[in-house]
Amino acid sequence: MEEMMHSKFTISTLTL
């Protein structure tokens, strides 16, 4: 669960 959240956060930051 945490890994998925971290992955999404990283993707969001990269997209930003």
PDB file of N, CA and C in Angstrom:
ATOM      1  N   MET A   1       0.847  -1.208   0.000  1.00  0.00           N
ATOM      2  CA  MET A   1       0.000   0.000   0.000  1.00  0.00           C
ATOM      3  C   MET A   1       0.882   1.258   0.000  1.00  0.00           C
ATOM      4  N   GLU A   2       1.799   1.298   0.912  1.00  0.00           N
ATOM      5  CA  GLU A   2       2.671   2.480   0.990  1.00  0.00           C
ATOM      6  C   GLU A   2       3.469   2.655  -0.308  1.00  0.00           C
ATOM      7  N   GLU A   3       3.939   1.536  -0.829  1.00  0.00           N
ATOM      8  CA  GLU A   3       4.735   1.602  -2.075  1.00  0.00           C
ATOM      9  C   GLU A   3       3.920   2.236  -3.201  1.00  0.00           C
ATOM     10  N   MET A   4       2.669   1.836  -3.302  1.00  0.00           N
ATOM     11  CA  MET A   4       1.811   2.370  -4.368  1.00  0.00           C
ATOM     12  C   MET A   4       1.651   3.883  -4.197  1.00  0.00           C
ATOM     13  N   MET A   5       1.407   4.300  -2.974  1.00  0.00           N
ATOM     14  CA  MET A   5       1.233   5.733  -2.697  1.00  0.00           C
ATOM     15  C   MET A   5       2.514   6.486  -3.069  1.00  0.00           C
ATOM     16  N   HIS A   6       3.644   5.920  -2.657  1.00  0.00           N
ATOM     17  CA  HIS A   6       4.925   6.563  -2.949  1.00  0.00           C
ATOM     18  C   HIS A   6       5.122   6.674  -4.464  1.00  0.00           C
ATOM     19  N   SER A   7       4.787   5.606  -5.158  1.00  0.00           N
ATOM     20  CA  SER A   7       4.938   5.590  -6.628  1.00  0.00           C
ATOM     21  C   SER A   7       4.074   6.692  -7.241  1.00  0.00           C
ATOM     22  N   LYS A   8       2.841   6.789  -6.795  1.00  0.00           N
ATOM     23  CA  LYS A   8       1.928   7.801  -7.347  1.00  0.00           C
ATOM     24  C   LYS A   8       2.481   9.196  -7.051  1.00  0.00           C
ATOM     25  N   PHE A   9       2.982   9.369  -5.854  1.00  0.00           N
ATOM     26  CA  PHE A   9       3.525  10.677  -5.468  1.00  0.00           C
ATOM     27  C   PHE A   9       4.709  11.034  -6.365  1.00  0.00           C
ATOM     28  N   THR A  10       5.573  10.057  -6.585  1.00  0.00           N
ATOM     29  CA  THR A  10       6.747  10.291  -7.433  1.00  0.00           C
ATOM     30  C   THR A  10       6.317  10.646  -8.850  1.00  0.00           C
ATOM     31  N   ILE A  11       5.348   9.930  -9.368  1.00  0.00           N
ATOM     32  CA  ILE A  11       4.860  10.194 -10.733  1.00  0.00           C
ATOM     33  C   ILE A  11       4.264  11.598 -10.791  1.00  0.00           C
ATOM     34  N   SER A  12       3.511  11.941  -9.765  1.00  0.00           N
ATOM     35  CA  SER A  12       2.873  13.271  -9.730  1.00  0.00           C
ATOM     36  C   SER A  12       3.958  14.350  -9.752  1.00  0.00           C
ATOM     37  N   THR A  13       4.992  14.156  -8.959  1.00  0.00           N
ATOM     38  CA  THR A  13       6.081  15.142  -8.904  1.00  0.00           C
ATOM     39  C   THR A  13       6.776  15.228 -10.255  1.00  0.00           C
ATOM     40  N   LEU A  14       6.980  14.085 -10.878  1.00  0.00           N
ATOM     41  CA  LEU A  14       7.658  14.079 -12.182  1.00  0.00           C
ATOM     42  C   LEU A  14       6.797  14.788 -13.221  1.00  0.00           C
ATOM     43  N   THR A  15       5.505  14.559 -13.133  1.00  0.00           N
ATOM     44  CA  THR A  15       4.584  15.188 -14.092  1.00  0.00           C
ATOM     45  C   THR A  15       4.578  16.700 -13.879  1.00  0.00           C
ATOM     46  N   LEU A  16       4.654  17.089 -12.625  1.00  0.00           N
ATOM     47  CA  LEU A  16       4.629  18.522 -12.308  1.00  0.00           C
ATOM     48  C   LEU A  16       5.850  19.179 -12.928  1.00  0.00           C
TER      49      LEU A  16
END
